[in-house]
Amino acid sequence: MYTCNRKQLLKGSIADDVKQKIFDIANTYGYEIIAIETDKDHIHFLLSYDTTDRVCDIVKIVKQETTYYLWHKYGSLLSKQYWKKKIFWSDGYFACSIGEVSSATIQKYIESQG
């Protein structure tokens, strides 16, 4: 889950575009998106990745590439919300591995968001 500074911007075409960009990133880097859904101010996704990859590196890639993409496409809208810097996501994130809970349970939870 990522928060985007708790500004409710993840709706409509921005939500669709950020999800598509994350699918594109996953395809480029060999990750598999199992489930993805946005809420107005954050996004959840479940992905499968190689165990040699570090979660912090995946998060960095996703945040950097989606921020660049969104500012390129929605710069005039975003500049009204973020007038100091070209940011979109907050600094933090939450990540966990699937242990006792099945991936189907996590997928169902993610798909119920928004």
PDB file of N, CA and C in Angstrom:
ATOM      1  N   MET A   1       0.842  -1.172   0.000  1.00  0.00           N
ATOM      2  CA  MET A   1       0.000   0.000   0.000  1.00  0.00           C
ATOM      3  C   MET A   1       0.881   1.226   0.000  1.00  0.00           C
ATOM      4  N   TYR A   2       0.498   2.203  -0.772  1.00  0.00           N
ATOM      5  CA  TYR A   2       1.203   3.467  -0.828  1.00  0.00           C
ATOM      6  C   TYR A   2       0.209   4.579  -0.534  1.00  0.00           C
ATOM      7  N   THR A   3       0.645   5.605   0.120  1.00  0.00           N
ATOM      8  CA  THR A   3      -0.218   6.760   0.283  1.00  0.00           C
ATOM      9  C   THR A   3       0.299   7.877  -0.593  1.00  0.00           C
ATOM     10  N   CYS A   4      -0.582   8.667  -1.131  1.00  0.00           N
ATOM     11  CA  CYS A   4      -0.128   9.786  -1.959  1.00  0.00           C
ATOM     12  C   CYS A   4      -0.410  11.086  -1.216  1.00  0.00           C
ATOM     13  N   ASN A   5       0.272  11.279  -0.113  1.00  0.00           N
ATOM     14  CA  ASN A   5       0.160  12.481   0.703  1.00  0.00           C
ATOM     15  C   ASN A   5      -1.264  12.778   1.129  1.00  0.00           C
ATOM     16  N   ARG A   6      -2.091  11.753   1.151  1.00  0.00           N
ATOM     17  CA  ARG A   6      -3.478  11.827   1.584  1.00  0.00           C
ATOM     18  C   ARG A   6      -4.299  12.863   0.823  1.00  0.00           C
ATOM     19  N   LYS A   7      -3.847  13.261  -0.341  1.00  0.00           N
ATOM     20  CA  LYS A   7      -4.669  14.072  -1.238  1.00  0.00           C
ATOM     21  C   LYS A   7      -5.489  13.083  -2.058  1.00  0.00           C
ATOM     22  N   GLN A   8      -6.750  13.341  -2.196  1.00  0.00           N
ATOM     23  CA  GLN A   8      -7.638  12.374  -2.844  1.00  0.00           C
ATOM     24  C   GLN A   8      -7.591  12.521  -4.363  1.00  0.00           C
ATOM     25  N   LEU A   9      -6.473  12.091  -4.940  1.00  0.00           N
ATOM     26  CA  LEU A   9      -6.244  12.248  -6.370  1.00  0.00           C
ATOM     27  C   LEU A   9      -6.366  10.961  -7.168  1.00  0.00           C
ATOM     28  N   LEU A  10      -6.438   9.833  -6.491  1.00  0.00           N
ATOM     29  CA  LEU A  10      -6.481   8.545  -7.198  1.00  0.00           C
ATOM     30  C   LEU A  10      -7.911   8.175  -7.557  1.00  0.00           C
ATOM     31  N   LYS A  11      -8.433   8.884  -8.529  1.00  0.00           N
ATOM     32  CA  LYS A  11      -9.778   8.604  -9.023  1.00  0.00           C
ATOM     33  C   LYS A  11      -9.822   8.922 -10.506  1.00  0.00           C
ATOM     34  N   GLY A  12     -10.807   8.360 -11.170  1.00  0.00           N
ATOM     35  CA  GLY A  12     -10.978   8.611 -12.598  1.00  0.00           C
ATOM     36  C   GLY A  12      -9.785   8.171 -13.427  1.00  0.00           C
ATOM     37  N   SER A  13      -9.405   9.029 -14.371  1.00  0.00           N
ATOM     38  CA  SER A  13      -8.332   8.665 -15.299  1.00  0.00           C
ATOM     39  C   SER A  13      -6.977   8.566 -14.614  1.00  0.00           C
ATOM     40  N   ILE A  14      -6.757   9.328 -13.542  1.00  0.00           N
ATOM     41  CA  ILE A  14      -5.482   9.214 -12.830  1.00  0.00           C
ATOM     42  C   ILE A  14      -5.359   7.815 -12.220  1.00  0.00           C
ATOM     43  N   ALA A  15      -6.408   7.332 -11.595  1.00  0.00           N
ATOM     44  CA  ALA A  15      -6.382   5.977 -11.013  1.00  0.00           C
ATOM     45  C   ALA A  15      -6.137   4.935 -12.096  1.00  0.00           C
ATOM     46  N   ASP A  16      -6.837   5.059 -13.207  1.00  0.00           N
ATOM     47  CA  ASP A  16      -6.658   4.103 -14.307  1.00  0.00           C
ATOM     48  C   ASP A  16      -5.233   4.152 -14.850  1.00  0.00           C
ATOM     49  N   ASP A  17      -4.711   5.360 -15.023  1.00  0.00           N
ATOM     50  CA  ASP A  17      -3.367   5.511 -15.576  1.00  0.00           C
ATOM     51  C   ASP A  17      -2.285   4.998 -14.626  1.00  0.00           C
ATOM     52  N   VAL A  18      -2.449   5.244 -13.330  1.00  0.00           N
ATOM     53  CA  VAL A  18      -1.426   4.772 -12.391  1.00  0.00           C
ATOM     54  C   VAL A  18      -1.437   3.240 -12.325  1.00  0.00           C
ATOM     55  N   LYS A  19      -2.611   2.635 -12.380  1.00  0.00           N
ATOM     56  CA  LYS A  19      -2.682   1.169 -12.388  1.00  0.00           C
ATOM     57  C   LYS A  19      -2.028   0.613 -13.656  1.00  0.00           C
ATOM     58  N   GLN A  20      -2.323   1.217 -14.803  1.00  0.00           N
ATOM     59  CA  GLN A  20      -1.724   0.741 -16.054  1.00  0.00           C
ATOM     60  C   GLN A  20      -0.214   0.905 -16.028  1.00  0.00           C
ATOM     61  N   LYS A  21       0.259   2.017 -15.482  1.00  0.00           N
ATOM     62  CA  LYS A  21       1.706   2.239 -15.408  1.00  0.00           C
ATOM     63  C   LYS A  21       2.363   1.188 -14.506  1.00  0.00           C
ATOM     64  N   ILE A  22       1.715   0.825 -13.415  1.00  0.00           N
ATOM     65  CA  ILE A  22       2.260  -0.202 -12.527  1.00  0.00           C
ATOM     66  C   ILE A  22       2.289  -1.561 -13.243  1.00  0.00           C
ATOM     67  N   PHE A  23       1.262  -1.863 -14.039  1.00  0.00           N
ATOM     68  CA  PHE A  23       1.297  -3.088 -14.851  1.00  0.00           C
ATOM     69  C   PHE A  23       2.468  -3.044 -15.833  1.00  0.00           C
ATOM     70  N   ASP A  24       2.697  -1.884 -16.449  1.00  0.00           N
ATOM     71  CA  ASP A  24       3.814  -1.740 -17.388  1.00  0.00           C
ATOM     72  C   ASP A  24       5.157  -1.946 -16.692  1.00  0.00           C
ATOM     73  N   ILE A  25       5.303  -1.363 -15.505  1.00  0.00           N
ATOM     74  CA  ILE A  25       6.530  -1.519 -14.718  1.00  0.00           C
ATOM     75  C   ILE A  25       6.735  -2.994 -14.376  1.00  0.00           C
ATOM     76  N   ALA A  26       5.671  -3.630 -13.921  1.00  0.00           N
ATOM     77  CA  ALA A  26       5.765  -5.053 -13.566  1.00  0.00           C
ATOM     78  C   ALA A  26       6.213  -5.881 -14.757  1.00  0.00           C
ATOM     79  N   ASN A  27       5.654  -5.595 -15.902  1.00  0.00           N
ATOM     80  CA  ASN A  27       6.021  -6.315 -17.117  1.00  0.00           C
ATOM     81  C   ASN A  27       7.496  -6.094 -17.462  1.00  0.00           C
ATOM     82  N   THR A  28       7.958  -4.873 -17.340  1.00  0.00           N
ATOM     83  CA  THR A  28       9.348  -4.539 -17.652  1.00  0.00           C
ATOM     84  C   THR A  28      10.329  -5.246 -16.718  1.00  0.00           C
ATOM     85  N   TYR A  29      10.000  -5.300 -15.432  1.00  0.00           N
ATOM     86  CA  TYR A  29      10.924  -5.830 -14.430  1.00  0.00           C
ATOM     87  C   TYR A  29      10.679  -7.299 -14.060  1.00  0.00           C
ATOM     88  N   GLY A  30       9.686  -7.912 -14.670  1.00  0.00           N
ATOM     89  CA  GLY A  30       9.445  -9.327 -14.411  1.00  0.00           C
ATOM     90  C   GLY A  30       8.647  -9.608 -13.149  1.00  0.00           C
ATOM     91  N   TYR A  31       7.857  -8.634 -12.686  1.00  0.00           N
ATOM     92  CA  TYR A  31       6.966  -8.849 -11.552  1.00  0.00           C
ATOM     93  C   TYR A  31       5.617  -9.276 -12.101  1.00  0.00           C
ATOM     94  N   GLU A  32       4.823  -9.926 -11.272  1.00  0.00           N
ATOM     95  CA  GLU A  32       3.468 -10.297 -11.674  1.00  0.00           C
ATOM     96  C   GLU A  32       2.489  -9.622 -10.732  1.00  0.00           C
ATOM     97  N   ILE A  33       1.630  -8.776 -11.283  1.00  0.00           N
ATOM     98  CA  ILE A  33       0.576  -8.139 -10.495  1.00  0.00           C
ATOM     99  C   ILE A  33      -0.568  -9.137 -10.378  1.00  0.00           C
ATOM    100  N   ILE A  34      -0.876  -9.541  -9.161  1.00  0.00           N
ATOM    101  CA  ILE A  34      -1.948 -10.498  -8.913  1.00  0.00           C
ATOM    102  C   ILE A  34      -3.256  -9.756  -8.665  1.00  0.00           C
ATOM    103  N   ALA A  35      -3.176  -8.642  -7.951  1.00  0.00           N
ATOM    104  CA  ALA A  35      -4.349  -7.812  -7.689  1.00  0.00           C
ATOM    105  C   ALA A  35      -3.886  -6.379  -7.499  1.00  0.00           C
ATOM    106  N   ILE A  36      -4.712  -5.433  -7.923  1.00  0.00           N
ATOM    107  CA  ILE A  36      -4.388  -4.019  -7.759  1.00  0.00           C
ATOM    108  C   ILE A  36      -5.686  -3.232  -7.686  1.00  0.00           C
ATOM    109  N   GLU A  37      -5.758  -2.287  -6.767  1.00  0.00           N
ATOM    110  CA  GLU A  37      -6.938  -1.423  -6.678  1.00  0.00           C
ATOM    111  C   GLU A  37      -6.550  -0.126  -5.974  1.00  0.00           C
ATOM    112  N   THR A  38      -7.161   0.948  -6.426  1.00  0.00           N
ATOM    113  CA  THR A  38      -6.917   2.244  -5.811  1.00  0.00           C
ATOM    114  C   THR A  38      -8.072   2.622  -4.902  1.00  0.00           C
ATOM    115  N   ASP A  39      -7.758   3.402  -3.912  1.00  0.00           N
ATOM    116  CA  ASP A  39      -8.753   4.130  -3.145  1.00  0.00           C
ATOM    117  C   ASP A  39      -8.432   5.587  -3.430  1.00  0.00           C
ATOM    118  N   LYS A  40      -9.182   6.512  -2.941  1.00  0.00           N
ATOM    119  CA  LYS A  40      -8.986   7.912  -3.326  1.00  0.00           C
ATOM    120  C   LYS A  40      -7.599   8.449  -2.998  1.00  0.00           C
ATOM    121  N   ASP A  41      -6.987   7.938  -1.936  1.00  0.00           N
ATOM    122  CA  ASP A  41      -5.699   8.507  -1.525  1.00  0.00           C
ATOM    123  C   ASP A  41      -4.601   7.465  -1.313  1.00  0.00           C
ATOM    124  N   HIS A  42      -4.821   6.245  -1.773  1.00  0.00           N
ATOM    125  CA  HIS A  42      -3.784   5.224  -1.677  1.00  0.00           C
ATOM    126  C   HIS A  42      -4.086   4.074  -2.641  1.00  0.00           C
ATOM    127  N   ILE A  43      -3.122   3.192  -2.765  1.00  0.00           N
ATOM    128  CA  ILE A  43      -3.264   2.062  -3.683  1.00  0.00           C
ATOM    129  C   ILE A  43      -2.785   0.798  -2.979  1.00  0.00           C
ATOM    130  N   HIS A  44      -3.437  -0.298  -3.287  1.00  0.00           N
ATOM    131  CA  HIS A  44      -3.031  -1.609  -2.784  1.00  0.00           C
ATOM    132  C   HIS A  44      -2.658  -2.455  -3.992  1.00  0.00           C
ATOM    133  N   PHE A  45      -1.590  -3.218  -3.868  1.00  0.00           N
ATOM    134  CA  PHE A  45      -1.376  -4.236  -4.878  1.00  0.00           C
ATOM    135  C   PHE A  45      -0.624  -5.412  -4.301  1.00  0.00           C
ATOM    136  N   LEU A  46      -0.947  -6.549  -4.874  1.00  0.00           N
ATOM    137  CA  LEU A  46      -0.329  -7.820  -4.514  1.00  0.00           C
ATOM    138  C   LEU A  46       0.491  -8.239  -5.714  1.00  0.00           C
ATOM    139  N   LEU A  47       1.782  -8.477  -5.484  1.00  0.00           N
ATOM    140  CA  LEU A  47       2.600  -8.871  -6.604  1.00  0.00           C
ATOM    141  C   LEU A  47       3.527 -10.011  -6.233  1.00  0.00           C
ATOM    142  N   SER A  48       3.908 -10.730  -7.256  1.00  0.00           N
ATOM    143  CA  SER A  48       4.877 -11.805  -7.126  1.00  0.00           C
ATOM    144  C   SER A  48       6.162 -11.306  -7.773  1.00  0.00           C
ATOM    145  N   TYR A  49       7.278 -11.524  -7.092  1.00  0.00           N
ATOM    146  CA  TYR A  49       8.554 -11.049  -7.608  1.00  0.00           C
ATOM    147  C   TYR A  49       9.648 -12.036  -7.228  1.00  0.00           C
ATOM    148  N   ASP A  50      10.768 -11.939  -7.894  1.00  0.00           N
ATOM    149  CA  ASP A  50      11.900 -12.819  -7.634  1.00  0.00           C
ATOM    150  C   ASP A  50      12.439 -12.546  -6.232  1.00  0.00           C
ATOM    151  N   THR A  51      12.788 -13.594  -5.531  1.00  0.00           N
ATOM    152  CA  THR A  51      13.253 -13.441  -4.150  1.00  0.00           C
ATOM    153  C   THR A  51      14.592 -12.716  -4.049  1.00  0.00           C
ATOM    154  N   THR A  52      15.284 -12.540  -5.162  1.00  0.00           N
ATOM    155  CA  THR A  52      16.533 -11.773  -5.116  1.00  0.00           C
ATOM    156  C   THR A  52      16.276 -10.269  -5.165  1.00  0.00           C
ATOM    157  N   ASP A  53      15.058  -9.865  -5.525  1.00  0.00           N
ATOM    158  CA  ASP A  53      14.696  -8.443  -5.524  1.00  0.00           C
ATOM    159  C   ASP A  53      14.357  -7.996  -4.109  1.00  0.00           C
ATOM    160  N   ARG A  54      14.658  -6.746  -3.815  1.00  0.00           N
ATOM    161  CA  ARG A  54      14.328  -6.192  -2.504  1.00  0.00           C
ATOM    162  C   ARG A  54      13.061  -5.351  -2.622  1.00  0.00           C
ATOM    163  N   VAL A  55      12.190  -5.474  -1.639  1.00  0.00           N
ATOM    164  CA  VAL A  55      10.928  -4.730  -1.645  1.00  0.00           C
ATOM    165  C   VAL A  55      11.192  -3.234  -1.742  1.00  0.00           C
ATOM    166  N   CYS A  56      12.168  -2.731  -1.002  1.00  0.00           N
ATOM    167  CA  CYS A  56      12.448  -1.296  -1.034  1.00  0.00           C
ATOM    168  C   CYS A  56      12.839  -0.827  -2.435  1.00  0.00           C
ATOM    169  N   ASP A  57      13.527  -1.676  -3.197  1.00  0.00           N
ATOM    170  CA  ASP A  57      13.889  -1.319  -4.570  1.00  0.00           C
ATOM    171  C   ASP A  57      12.664  -1.313  -5.479  1.00  0.00           C
ATOM    172  N   ILE A  58      11.770  -2.266  -5.282  1.00  0.00           N
ATOM    173  CA  ILE A  58      10.534  -2.312  -6.063  1.00  0.00           C
ATOM    174  C   ILE A  58       9.705  -1.065  -5.786  1.00  0.00           C
ATOM    175  N   VAL A  59       9.564  -0.709  -4.523  1.00  0.00           N
ATOM    176  CA  VAL A  59       8.802   0.483  -4.137  1.00  0.00           C
ATOM    177  C   VAL A  59       9.419   1.725  -4.772  1.00  0.00           C
ATOM    178  N   LYS A  60      10.727   1.827  -4.706  1.00  0.00           N
ATOM    179  CA  LYS A  60      11.425   2.988  -5.284  1.00  0.00           C
ATOM    180  C   LYS A  60      11.133   3.109  -6.780  1.00  0.00           C
ATOM    181  N   ILE A  61      11.249   1.996  -7.498  1.00  0.00           N
ATOM    182  CA  ILE A  61      10.984   1.991  -8.939  1.00  0.00           C
ATOM    183  C   ILE A  61       9.549   2.413  -9.224  1.00  0.00           C
ATOM    184  N   VAL A  62       8.594   1.821  -8.516  1.00  0.00           N
ATOM    185  CA  VAL A  62       7.177   2.125  -8.748  1.00  0.00           C
ATOM    186  C   VAL A  62       6.894   3.598  -8.465  1.00  0.00           C
ATOM    187  N   LYS A  63       7.382   4.090  -7.340  1.00  0.00           N
ATOM    188  CA  LYS A  63       7.127   5.488  -6.992  1.00  0.00           C
ATOM    189  C   LYS A  63       7.782   6.452  -7.982  1.00  0.00           C
ATOM    190  N   GLN A  64       9.026   6.201  -8.326  1.00  0.00           N
ATOM    191  CA  GLN A  64       9.718   7.104  -9.249  1.00  0.00           C
ATOM    192  C   GLN A  64       9.067   7.120 -10.630  1.00  0.00           C
ATOM    193  N   GLU A  65       8.829   5.947 -11.175  1.00  0.00           N
ATOM    194  CA  GLU A  65       8.310   5.881 -12.541  1.00  0.00           C
ATOM    195  C   GLU A  65       6.867   6.365 -12.644  1.00  0.00           C
ATOM    196  N   THR A  66       6.039   6.067 -11.655  1.00  0.00           N
ATOM    197  CA  THR A  66       4.653   6.559 -11.719  1.00  0.00           C
ATOM    198  C   THR A  66       4.601   8.067 -11.486  1.00  0.00           C
ATOM    199  N   THR A  67       5.432   8.574 -10.592  1.00  0.00           N
ATOM    200  CA  THR A  67       5.452  10.025 -10.357  1.00  0.00           C
ATOM    201  C   THR A  67       5.866  10.759 -11.623  1.00  0.00           C
ATOM    202  N   TYR A  68       6.937  10.320 -12.262  1.00  0.00           N
ATOM    203  CA  TYR A  68       7.393  10.950 -13.498  1.00  0.00           C
ATOM    204  C   TYR A  68       6.289  10.912 -14.563  1.00  0.00           C
ATOM    205  N   TYR A  69       5.680   9.757 -14.721  1.00  0.00           N
ATOM    206  CA  TYR A  69       4.614   9.582 -15.715  1.00  0.00           C
ATOM    207  C   TYR A  69       3.419  10.496 -15.432  1.00  0.00           C
ATOM    208  N   LEU A  70       2.966  10.506 -14.178  1.00  0.00           N
ATOM    209  CA  LEU A  70       1.795  11.317 -13.834  1.00  0.00           C
ATOM    210  C   LEU A  70       2.066  12.802 -13.989  1.00  0.00           C
ATOM    211  N   TRP A  71       3.256  13.258 -13.617  1.00  0.00           N
ATOM    212  CA  TRP A  71       3.587  14.672 -13.785  1.00  0.00           C
ATOM    213  C   TRP A  71       3.689  15.033 -15.263  1.00  0.00           C
ATOM    214  N   HIS A  72       4.159  14.123 -16.073  1.00  0.00           N
ATOM    215  CA  HIS A  72       4.230  14.376 -17.509  1.00  0.00           C
ATOM    216  C   HIS A  72       2.820  14.512 -18.098  1.00  0.00           C
ATOM    217  N   LYS A  73       1.917  13.661 -17.651  1.00  0.00           N
ATOM    218  CA  LYS A  73       0.567  13.640 -18.217  1.00  0.00           C
ATOM    219  C   LYS A  73      -0.395  14.623 -17.541  1.00  0.00           C
ATOM    220  N   TYR A  74      -0.262  14.817 -16.229  1.00  0.00           N
ATOM    221  CA  TYR A  74      -1.220  15.630 -15.463  1.00  0.00           C
ATOM    222  C   TYR A  74      -0.542  16.802 -14.747  1.00  0.00           C
ATOM    223  N   GLY A  75       0.524  17.333 -15.331  1.00  0.00           N
ATOM    224  CA  GLY A  75       1.293  18.384 -14.683  1.00  0.00           C
ATOM    225  C   GLY A  75       0.483  19.596 -14.254  1.00  0.00           C
ATOM    226  N   SER A  76      -0.426  20.054 -15.101  1.00  0.00           N
ATOM    227  CA  SER A  76      -1.200  21.249 -14.747  1.00  0.00           C
ATOM    228  C   SER A  76      -2.117  20.988 -13.555  1.00  0.00           C
ATOM    229  N   LEU A  77      -2.693  19.817 -13.484  1.00  0.00           N
ATOM    230  CA  LEU A  77      -3.551  19.461 -12.346  1.00  0.00           C
ATOM    231  C   LEU A  77      -2.717  19.271 -11.076  1.00  0.00           C
ATOM    232  N   LEU A  78      -1.626  18.536 -11.181  1.00  0.00           N
ATOM    233  CA  LEU A  78      -0.803  18.246 -10.009  1.00  0.00           C
ATOM    234  C   LEU A  78      -0.114  19.486  -9.460  1.00  0.00           C
ATOM    235  N   SER A  79       0.241  20.423 -10.326  1.00  0.00           N
ATOM    236  CA  SER A  79       0.922  21.627  -9.847  1.00  0.00           C
ATOM    237  C   SER A  79       0.010  22.481  -8.966  1.00  0.00           C
ATOM    238  N   LYS A  80      -1.290  22.295  -9.062  1.00  0.00           N
ATOM    239  CA  LYS A  80      -2.227  23.000  -8.172  1.00  0.00           C
ATOM    240  C   LYS A  80      -2.232  22.388  -6.777  1.00  0.00           C
ATOM    241  N   GLN A  81      -1.887  21.105  -6.682  1.00  0.00           N
ATOM    242  CA  GLN A  81      -1.867  20.399  -5.409  1.00  0.00           C
ATOM    243  C   GLN A  81      -0.477  20.422  -4.759  1.00  0.00           C
ATOM    244  N   TYR A  82       0.548  20.291  -5.587  1.00  0.00           N
ATOM    245  CA  TYR A  82       1.932  20.209  -5.106  1.00  0.00           C
ATOM    246  C   TYR A  82       2.723  21.344  -5.750  1.00  0.00           C
ATOM    247  N   TRP A  83       2.721  22.487  -5.139  1.00  0.00           N
ATOM    248  CA  TRP A  83       3.346  23.643  -5.769  1.00  0.00           C
ATOM    249  C   TRP A  83       4.809  23.824  -5.396  1.00  0.00           C
ATOM    250  N   LYS A  84       5.322  23.084  -4.433  1.00  0.00           N
ATOM    251  CA  LYS A  84       6.744  23.208  -4.068  1.00  0.00           C
ATOM    252  C   LYS A  84       7.633  22.250  -4.850  1.00  0.00           C
ATOM    253  N   LYS A  85       7.213  20.981  -4.948  1.00  0.00           N
ATOM    254  CA  LYS A  85       8.025  19.946  -5.593  1.00  0.00           C
ATOM    255  C   LYS A  85       7.150  19.063  -6.450  1.00  0.00           C
ATOM    256  N   LYS A  86       7.773  18.379  -7.398  1.00  0.00           N
ATOM    257  CA  LYS A  86       7.060  17.416  -8.229  1.00  0.00           C
ATOM    258  C   LYS A  86       7.040  16.074  -7.518  1.00  0.00           C
ATOM    259  N   ILE A  87       6.100  15.942  -6.588  1.00  0.00           N
ATOM    260  CA  ILE A  87       5.937  14.698  -5.847  1.00  0.00           C
ATOM    261  C   ILE A  87       4.546  14.146  -6.123  1.00  0.00           C
ATOM    262  N   PHE A  88       4.322  12.940  -5.740  1.00  0.00           N
ATOM    263  CA  PHE A  88       2.980  12.366  -5.785  1.00  0.00           C
ATOM    264  C   PHE A  88       2.751  11.477  -4.579  1.00  0.00           C
ATOM    265  N   TRP A  89       3.684  10.587  -4.292  1.00  0.00           N
ATOM    266  CA  TRP A  89       3.551   9.632  -3.199  1.00  0.00           C
ATOM    267  C   TRP A  89       4.175  10.179  -1.926  1.00  0.00           C
ATOM    268  N   SER A  90       3.705   9.699  -0.791  1.00  0.00           N
ATOM    269  CA  SER A  90       4.351  10.031   0.480  1.00  0.00           C
ATOM    270  C   SER A  90       5.645   9.234   0.603  1.00  0.00           C
ATOM    271  N   ASP A  91       6.436   9.560   1.609  1.00  0.00           N
ATOM    272  CA  ASP A  91       7.712   8.869   1.800  1.00  0.00           C
ATOM    273  C   ASP A  91       7.532   7.419   2.234  1.00  0.00           C
ATOM    274  N   GLY A  92       6.523   7.133   3.019  1.00  0.00           N
ATOM    275  CA  GLY A  92       6.368   5.799   3.587  1.00  0.00           C
ATOM    276  C   GLY A  92       5.610   4.837   2.697  1.00  0.00           C
ATOM    277  N   TYR A  93       5.609   3.596   3.143  1.00  0.00           N
ATOM    278  CA  TYR A  93       4.822   2.555   2.491  1.00  0.00           C
ATOM    279  C   TYR A  93       4.661   1.412   3.476  1.00  0.00           C
ATOM    280  N   PHE A  94       3.714   0.549   3.180  1.00  0.00           N
ATOM    281  CA  PHE A  94       3.512  -0.649   3.982  1.00  0.00           C
ATOM    282  C   PHE A  94       3.652  -1.842   3.055  1.00  0.00           C
ATOM    283  N   ALA A  95       4.410  -2.816   3.468  1.00  0.00           N
ATOM    284  CA  ALA A  95       4.564  -4.043   2.688  1.00  0.00           C
ATOM    285  C   ALA A  95       4.633  -5.216   3.651  1.00  0.00           C
ATOM    286  N   CYS A  96       4.052  -6.326   3.243  1.00  0.00           N
ATOM    287  CA  CYS A  96       4.168  -7.541   4.044  1.00  0.00           C
ATOM    288  C   CYS A  96       4.154  -8.741   3.106  1.00  0.00           C
ATOM    289  N   SER A  97       4.692  -9.819   3.595  1.00  0.00           N
ATOM    290  CA  SER A  97       4.661 -11.052   2.811  1.00  0.00           C
ATOM    291  C   SER A  97       3.444 -11.858   3.237  1.00  0.00           C
ATOM    292  N   ILE A  98       3.040 -12.756   2.369  1.00  0.00           N
ATOM    293  CA  ILE A  98       1.901 -13.609   2.682  1.00  0.00           C
ATOM    294  C   ILE A  98       2.421 -14.787   3.489  1.00  0.00           C
ATOM    295  N   GLY A  99       1.852 -14.958   4.643  1.00  0.00           N
ATOM    296  CA  GLY A  99       2.262 -16.073   5.490  1.00  0.00           C
ATOM    297  C   GLY A  99       1.105 -17.019   5.683  1.00  0.00           C
ATOM    298  N   GLU A 100       0.402 -16.858   6.786  1.00  0.00           N
ATOM    299  CA  GLU A 100      -0.714 -17.730   7.132  1.00  0.00           C
ATOM    300  C   GLU A 100      -1.946 -17.480   6.272  1.00  0.00           C
ATOM    301  N   VAL A 101      -2.033 -16.288   5.697  1.00  0.00           N
ATOM    302  CA  VAL A 101      -3.211 -15.927   4.906  1.00  0.00           C
ATOM    303  C   VAL A 101      -2.962 -16.325   3.452  1.00  0.00           C
ATOM    304  N   SER A 102      -3.971 -16.848   2.800  1.00  0.00           N
ATOM    305  CA  SER A 102      -3.804 -17.259   1.410  1.00  0.00           C
ATOM    306  C   SER A 102      -3.769 -16.045   0.488  1.00  0.00           C
ATOM    307  N   SER A 103      -3.149 -16.214  -0.659  1.00  0.00           N
ATOM    308  CA  SER A 103      -3.113 -15.116  -1.626  1.00  0.00           C
ATOM    309  C   SER A 103      -4.519 -14.794  -2.124  1.00  0.00           C
ATOM    310  N   ALA A 104      -5.401 -15.770  -2.160  1.00  0.00           N
ATOM    311  CA  ALA A 104      -6.793 -15.526  -2.581  1.00  0.00           C
ATOM    312  C   ALA A 104      -7.488 -14.581  -1.604  1.00  0.00           C
ATOM    313  N   THR A 105      -7.225 -14.736  -0.309  1.00  0.00           N
ATOM    314  CA  THR A 105      -7.813 -13.847   0.704  1.00  0.00           C
ATOM    315  C   THR A 105      -7.306 -12.427   0.519  1.00  0.00           C
ATOM    316  N   ILE A 106      -6.000 -12.280   0.301  1.00  0.00           N
ATOM    317  CA  ILE A 106      -5.408 -10.953   0.088  1.00  0.00           C
ATOM    318  C   ILE A 106      -5.966 -10.346  -1.202  1.00  0.00           C
ATOM    319  N   GLN A 107      -6.041 -11.136  -2.245  1.00  0.00           N
ATOM    320  CA  GLN A 107      -6.561 -10.652  -3.529  1.00  0.00           C
ATOM    321  C   GLN A 107      -7.999 -10.163  -3.374  1.00  0.00           C
ATOM    322  N   LYS A 108      -8.809 -10.917  -2.660  1.00  0.00           N
ATOM    323  CA  LYS A 108     -10.207 -10.526  -2.443  1.00  0.00           C
ATOM    324  C   LYS A 108     -10.279  -9.198  -1.670  1.00  0.00           C
ATOM    325  N   TYR A 109      -9.423  -9.038  -0.657  1.00  0.00           N
ATOM    326  CA  TYR A 109      -9.382  -7.801   0.111  1.00  0.00           C
ATOM    327  C   TYR A 109      -9.013  -6.621  -0.794  1.00  0.00           C
ATOM    328  N   ILE A 110      -7.970  -6.780  -1.596  1.00  0.00           N
ATOM    329  CA  ILE A 110      -7.523  -5.691  -2.472  1.00  0.00           C
ATOM    330  C   ILE A 110      -8.615  -5.323  -3.467  1.00  0.00           C
ATOM    331  N   GLU A 111      -9.254  -6.308  -4.047  1.00  0.00           N
ATOM    332  CA  GLU A 111     -10.288  -6.044  -5.048  1.00  0.00           C
ATOM    333  C   GLU A 111     -11.527  -5.386  -4.436  1.00  0.00           C
ATOM    334  N   SER A 112     -11.695  -5.479  -3.121  1.00  0.00           N
ATOM    335  CA  SER A 112     -12.841  -4.838  -2.468  1.00  0.00           C
ATOM    336  C   SER A 112     -12.571  -3.375  -2.115  1.00  0.00           C
ATOM    337  N   GLN A 113     -11.339  -2.896  -2.342  1.00  0.00           N
ATOM    338  CA  GLN A 113     -11.001  -1.508  -2.031  1.00  0.00           C
ATOM    339  C   GLN A 113     -11.588  -0.576  -3.063  1.00  0.00           C
ATOM    340  N   GLY A 114     -11.630   0.702  -2.714  1.00  0.00           N
ATOM    341  CA  GLY A 114     -12.145   1.715  -3.651  1.00  0.00           C
ATOM    342  C   GLY A 114     -13.593   1.792  -3.517  1.00  0.00           C
TER     343      GLY A 114
END
